[in-house]
Amino acid sequence: MKDLIEFRADVLKAVAQSTRLKIIDFLRDGERCVCEIFPAIGEAQSNTSRHLKMMQSAGVLSRRKDGLKIYYAIKHPEILEVIDLVTDIVKQDIYGRHSLLKGA
């Protein structure tokens, strides 16, 4: 049986890929249909669907079907806080490197 560390690793793996980060950013404003997601992120529908399913399995996204349309949303808004913290860390690191190079 999986333990807490493995579940945490699954969630982090689910967001640790550029296409999946694009999807999360697109879903920041709320639930969207798959038919809206794949054109917005510039990926093929089959590839997008595979990533959506993976993130849903990891508990990052929720899924709802309405007739023939399938909608996805961020299941826990806290995941956006995690992404935003990573963005801040990356920006600080880039700024630090830039400042170092400027001073050299």
N, C-alpha and C. Protein backbone atom coordinates (compact mmCIF):
# COMPACT_ATOMS: atom_id res chain seq x y z
N MET A 1 0.84 -1.19 0.00
CA MET A 1 0.00 0.00 0.00
C MET A 1 0.89 1.26 0.00
N LYS A 2 0.44 2.25 -0.73
CA LYS A 2 1.20 3.50 -0.81
C LYS A 2 1.18 4.23 0.51
N ASP A 3 2.29 4.91 0.81
CA ASP A 3 2.32 5.74 2.00
C ASP A 3 2.24 7.22 1.59
N LEU A 4 2.22 8.08 2.57
CA LEU A 4 2.05 9.51 2.33
C LEU A 4 3.12 10.08 1.41
N ILE A 5 4.35 9.63 1.57
CA ILE A 5 5.44 10.13 0.73
C ILE A 5 5.18 9.80 -0.74
N GLU A 6 4.71 8.60 -1.02
CA GLU A 6 4.43 8.21 -2.40
C GLU A 6 3.28 9.02 -2.99
N PHE A 7 2.24 9.27 -2.20
CA PHE A 7 1.13 10.10 -2.69
C PHE A 7 1.61 11.53 -2.97
N ARG A 8 2.46 12.05 -2.09
CA ARG A 8 3.02 13.39 -2.32
C ARG A 8 3.85 13.41 -3.60
N ALA A 9 4.64 12.39 -3.80
CA ALA A 9 5.46 12.30 -5.02
C ALA A 9 4.57 12.23 -6.26
N ASP A 10 3.45 11.51 -6.17
CA ASP A 10 2.52 11.42 -7.31
C ASP A 10 1.96 12.79 -7.68
N VAL A 11 1.59 13.58 -6.68
CA VAL A 11 1.05 14.92 -6.95
C VAL A 11 2.12 15.80 -7.58
N LEU A 12 3.32 15.77 -7.02
CA LEU A 12 4.40 16.59 -7.58
C LEU A 12 4.77 16.16 -8.99
N LYS A 13 4.80 14.85 -9.24
CA LYS A 13 5.07 14.36 -10.61
C LYS A 13 3.98 14.82 -11.57
N ALA A 14 2.75 14.87 -11.08
CA ALA A 14 1.62 15.25 -11.93
C ALA A 14 1.70 16.69 -12.42
N VAL A 15 2.41 17.53 -11.70
CA VAL A 15 2.53 18.93 -12.13
C VAL A 15 3.91 19.27 -12.67
N ALA A 16 4.82 18.31 -12.63
CA ALA A 16 6.21 18.56 -13.00
C ALA A 16 6.47 18.28 -14.48
N GLN A 17 5.72 18.95 -15.34
CA GLN A 17 5.89 18.77 -16.79
C GLN A 17 5.29 19.99 -17.46
N SER A 18 5.92 20.49 -18.51
CA SER A 18 5.52 21.77 -19.10
C SER A 18 4.09 21.78 -19.65
N THR A 19 3.66 20.72 -20.31
CA THR A 19 2.28 20.68 -20.83
C THR A 19 1.28 20.72 -19.69
N ARG A 20 1.57 19.99 -18.63
CA ARG A 20 0.66 19.97 -17.48
C ARG A 20 0.63 21.32 -16.77
N LEU A 21 1.76 22.01 -16.73
CA LEU A 21 1.77 23.36 -16.15
C LEU A 21 0.94 24.33 -17.01
N LYS A 22 1.00 24.18 -18.32
CA LYS A 22 0.16 25.00 -19.20
C LYS A 22 -1.31 24.76 -18.91
N ILE A 23 -1.67 23.50 -18.72
CA ILE A 23 -3.07 23.15 -18.42
C ILE A 23 -3.49 23.79 -17.10
N ILE A 24 -2.67 23.65 -16.08
CA ILE A 24 -2.99 24.23 -14.77
C ILE A 24 -3.16 25.74 -14.89
N ASP A 25 -2.25 26.40 -15.59
CA ASP A 25 -2.37 27.85 -15.77
C ASP A 25 -3.67 28.20 -16.49
N PHE A 26 -4.06 27.40 -17.49
CA PHE A 26 -5.29 27.67 -18.22
C PHE A 26 -6.53 27.46 -17.34
N LEU A 27 -6.43 26.55 -16.40
CA LEU A 27 -7.57 26.25 -15.52
C LEU A 27 -7.64 27.15 -14.29
N ARG A 28 -6.73 28.10 -14.17
CA ARG A 28 -6.73 29.01 -13.01
C ARG A 28 -8.06 29.74 -12.85
N ASP A 29 -8.70 30.08 -13.95
CA ASP A 29 -9.94 30.85 -13.89
C ASP A 29 -11.18 29.98 -13.75
N GLY A 30 -10.99 28.67 -13.65
CA GLY A 30 -12.14 27.79 -13.44
C GLY A 30 -12.22 26.65 -14.44
N GLU A 31 -13.29 25.92 -14.30
CA GLU A 31 -13.54 24.71 -15.09
C GLU A 31 -13.58 25.02 -16.59
N ARG A 32 -13.00 24.11 -17.37
CA ARG A 32 -13.01 24.26 -18.83
C ARG A 32 -13.24 22.91 -19.50
N CYS A 33 -13.84 22.97 -20.66
CA CYS A 33 -14.06 21.78 -21.48
C CYS A 33 -12.75 21.39 -22.17
N VAL A 34 -12.56 20.10 -22.36
CA VAL A 34 -11.38 19.62 -23.09
C VAL A 34 -11.30 20.32 -24.44
N CYS A 35 -12.45 20.56 -25.06
CA CYS A 35 -12.49 21.20 -26.38
C CYS A 35 -11.92 22.62 -26.34
N GLU A 36 -11.86 23.23 -25.17
CA GLU A 36 -11.24 24.55 -25.01
C GLU A 36 -9.77 24.45 -24.61
N ILE A 37 -9.44 23.40 -23.87
CA ILE A 37 -8.11 23.29 -23.30
C ILE A 37 -7.04 23.04 -24.35
N PHE A 38 -7.23 22.01 -25.20
CA PHE A 38 -6.14 21.65 -26.11
C PHE A 38 -5.80 22.75 -27.12
N PRO A 39 -6.78 23.49 -27.67
CA PRO A 39 -6.36 24.58 -28.57
C PRO A 39 -5.65 25.72 -27.81
N ALA A 40 -6.08 25.98 -26.57
CA ALA A 40 -5.50 27.08 -25.80
C ALA A 40 -4.04 26.83 -25.44
N ILE A 41 -3.69 25.57 -25.23
CA ILE A 41 -2.30 25.28 -24.84
C ILE A 41 -1.45 24.85 -26.03
N GLY A 42 -2.06 24.73 -27.21
CA GLY A 42 -1.31 24.41 -28.42
C GLY A 42 -0.83 22.98 -28.51
N GLU A 43 -1.59 22.06 -27.97
CA GLU A 43 -1.23 20.63 -28.01
C GLU A 43 -2.33 19.85 -28.72
N ALA A 44 -1.98 18.66 -29.18
CA ALA A 44 -2.97 17.78 -29.80
C ALA A 44 -3.97 17.31 -28.75
N GLN A 45 -5.20 17.04 -29.19
CA GLN A 45 -6.24 16.61 -28.25
C GLN A 45 -5.85 15.32 -27.54
N SER A 46 -5.29 14.36 -28.26
CA SER A 46 -4.94 13.08 -27.64
C SER A 46 -3.86 13.26 -26.56
N ASN A 47 -2.87 14.09 -26.85
CA ASN A 47 -1.81 14.36 -25.88
C ASN A 47 -2.38 15.09 -24.66
N THR A 48 -3.22 16.08 -24.91
CA THR A 48 -3.84 16.84 -23.82
C THR A 48 -4.69 15.92 -22.94
N SER A 49 -5.48 15.07 -23.56
CA SER A 49 -6.34 14.15 -22.81
C SER A 49 -5.52 13.22 -21.93
N ARG A 50 -4.40 12.77 -22.43
CA ARG A 50 -3.52 11.89 -21.65
C ARG A 50 -3.00 12.62 -20.40
N HIS A 51 -2.59 13.86 -20.57
CA HIS A 51 -2.10 14.64 -19.43
C HIS A 51 -3.23 14.94 -18.44
N LEU A 52 -4.41 15.26 -18.95
CA LEU A 52 -5.55 15.54 -18.07
C LEU A 52 -5.89 14.31 -17.23
N LYS A 53 -5.92 13.16 -17.87
CA LYS A 53 -6.24 11.92 -17.16
C LYS A 53 -5.20 11.62 -16.09
N MET A 54 -3.94 11.86 -16.39
CA MET A 54 -2.87 11.61 -15.43
C MET A 54 -3.02 12.51 -14.21
N MET A 55 -3.31 13.80 -14.45
CA MET A 55 -3.47 14.73 -13.34
C MET A 55 -4.73 14.44 -12.53
N GLN A 56 -5.76 13.95 -13.18
CA GLN A 56 -6.97 13.57 -12.45
C GLN A 56 -6.68 12.36 -11.56
N SER A 57 -5.96 11.39 -12.10
CA SER A 57 -5.62 10.19 -11.32
C SER A 57 -4.78 10.54 -10.09
N ALA A 58 -3.95 11.56 -10.20
CA ALA A 58 -3.10 11.98 -9.09
C ALA A 58 -3.84 12.87 -8.09
N GLY A 59 -5.07 13.24 -8.41
CA GLY A 59 -5.86 14.07 -7.51
C GLY A 59 -5.67 15.56 -7.69
N VAL A 60 -5.01 15.97 -8.77
CA VAL A 60 -4.78 17.39 -9.02
C VAL A 60 -6.00 18.04 -9.67
N LEU A 61 -6.68 17.30 -10.56
CA LEU A 61 -7.84 17.82 -11.27
C LEU A 61 -9.09 17.02 -10.94
N SER A 62 -10.23 17.67 -11.08
CA SER A 62 -11.52 16.98 -11.02
C SER A 62 -12.08 16.93 -12.43
N ARG A 63 -12.97 15.99 -12.68
CA ARG A 63 -13.53 15.78 -14.01
C ARG A 63 -15.04 15.68 -13.90
N ARG A 64 -15.73 16.29 -14.87
CA ARG A 64 -17.18 16.25 -14.92
C ARG A 64 -17.63 16.08 -16.36
N LYS A 65 -18.61 15.22 -16.56
CA LYS A 65 -19.12 15.00 -17.91
C LYS A 65 -20.50 15.64 -18.00
N ASP A 66 -20.73 16.36 -19.11
CA ASP A 66 -22.03 16.98 -19.37
C ASP A 66 -22.39 16.67 -20.82
N GLY A 67 -23.22 15.66 -21.00
CA GLY A 67 -23.53 15.20 -22.35
C GLY A 67 -22.28 14.60 -22.97
N LEU A 68 -21.88 15.14 -24.12
CA LEU A 68 -20.68 14.65 -24.79
C LEU A 68 -19.43 15.39 -24.36
N LYS A 69 -19.60 16.47 -23.63
CA LYS A 69 -18.45 17.28 -23.23
C LYS A 69 -17.89 16.84 -21.88
N ILE A 70 -16.56 16.91 -21.77
CA ILE A 70 -15.88 16.59 -20.52
C ILE A 70 -15.20 17.86 -20.03
N TYR A 71 -15.45 18.17 -18.77
CA TYR A 71 -14.90 19.38 -18.16
C TYR A 71 -13.90 19.00 -17.07
N TYR A 72 -12.84 19.80 -17.00
CA TYR A 72 -11.83 19.61 -15.95
C TYR A 72 -11.69 20.90 -15.17
N ALA A 73 -11.33 20.74 -13.89
CA ALA A 73 -11.09 21.88 -13.01
C ALA A 73 -9.99 21.49 -12.02
N ILE A 74 -9.37 22.49 -11.45
CA ILE A 74 -8.37 22.24 -10.41
C ILE A 74 -9.13 21.78 -9.17
N LYS A 75 -8.77 20.62 -8.67
CA LYS A 75 -9.50 20.01 -7.55
C LYS A 75 -9.23 20.72 -6.23
N HIS A 76 -8.00 21.08 -6.00
CA HIS A 76 -7.60 21.76 -4.76
C HIS A 76 -6.89 23.06 -5.14
N PRO A 77 -7.49 24.21 -4.88
CA PRO A 77 -6.87 25.49 -5.24
C PRO A 77 -5.47 25.68 -4.66
N GLU A 78 -5.16 24.95 -3.60
CA GLU A 78 -3.84 25.07 -2.98
C GLU A 78 -2.72 24.69 -3.95
N ILE A 79 -3.05 23.88 -4.96
CA ILE A 79 -2.02 23.50 -5.94
C ILE A 79 -1.50 24.74 -6.65
N LEU A 80 -2.37 25.75 -6.81
CA LEU A 80 -1.94 27.00 -7.44
C LEU A 80 -0.93 27.73 -6.56
N GLU A 81 -1.10 27.63 -5.25
CA GLU A 81 -0.14 28.24 -4.32
C GLU A 81 1.22 27.57 -4.46
N VAL A 82 1.22 26.25 -4.62
CA VAL A 82 2.47 25.51 -4.81
C VAL A 82 3.15 25.99 -6.10
N ILE A 83 2.39 26.06 -7.19
CA ILE A 83 2.93 26.51 -8.48
C ILE A 83 3.46 27.94 -8.35
N ASP A 84 2.71 28.79 -7.67
CA ASP A 84 3.14 30.19 -7.50
C ASP A 84 4.43 30.28 -6.68
N LEU A 85 4.56 29.44 -5.66
CA LEU A 85 5.80 29.42 -4.86
C LEU A 85 6.99 28.99 -5.72
N VAL A 86 6.78 27.99 -6.55
CA VAL A 86 7.85 27.54 -7.45
C VAL A 86 8.22 28.66 -8.41
N THR A 87 7.22 29.36 -8.93
CA THR A 87 7.47 30.49 -9.83
C THR A 87 8.31 31.56 -9.14
N ASP A 88 7.97 31.87 -7.89
CA ASP A 88 8.75 32.86 -7.13
C ASP A 88 10.20 32.40 -6.94
N ILE A 89 10.38 31.13 -6.62
CA ILE A 89 11.73 30.58 -6.43
C ILE A 89 12.54 30.71 -7.73
N VAL A 90 11.92 30.35 -8.85
CA VAL A 90 12.60 30.42 -10.14
C VAL A 90 12.97 31.87 -10.48
N LYS A 91 12.03 32.78 -10.25
CA LYS A 91 12.30 34.20 -10.54
C LYS A 91 13.46 34.72 -9.68
N GLN A 92 13.46 34.35 -8.39
CA GLN A 92 14.54 34.78 -7.50
C GLN A 92 15.88 34.22 -7.97
N ASP A 93 15.86 32.97 -8.38
CA ASP A 93 17.09 32.33 -8.86
C ASP A 93 17.60 33.01 -10.13
N ILE A 94 16.70 33.29 -11.05
CA ILE A 94 17.08 33.97 -12.29
C ILE A 94 17.62 35.37 -11.98
N TYR A 95 16.94 36.09 -11.08
CA TYR A 95 17.39 37.43 -10.71
C TYR A 95 18.78 37.36 -10.07
N GLY A 96 18.98 36.37 -9.20
CA GLY A 96 20.27 36.21 -8.54
C GLY A 96 21.39 35.93 -9.53
N ARG A 97 21.11 35.07 -10.50
CA ARG A 97 22.12 34.76 -11.52
C ARG A 97 22.41 35.99 -12.37
N HIS A 98 21.35 36.70 -12.73
CA HIS A 98 21.50 37.90 -13.55
C HIS A 98 22.35 38.95 -12.82
N SER A 99 22.06 39.12 -11.53
CA SER A 99 22.82 40.09 -10.72
C SER A 99 24.28 39.68 -10.61
N LEU A 100 24.52 38.39 -10.46
CA LEU A 100 25.88 37.88 -10.38
C LEU A 100 26.65 38.15 -11.67
N LEU A 101 25.99 37.91 -12.80
CA LEU A 101 26.64 38.11 -14.10
C LEU A 101 26.91 39.59 -14.35
N LYS A 102 25.97 40.45 -13.90
CA LYS A 102 26.15 41.88 -14.08
C LYS A 102 27.34 42.40 -13.29
N GLY A 103 27.55 41.82 -12.11
CA GLY A 103 28.64 42.26 -11.25
C GLY A 103 30.00 41.71 -11.65
N ALA A 104 30.01 40.71 -12.53
CA ALA A 104 31.28 40.07 -12.92
C ALA A 104 32.08 40.90 -13.90
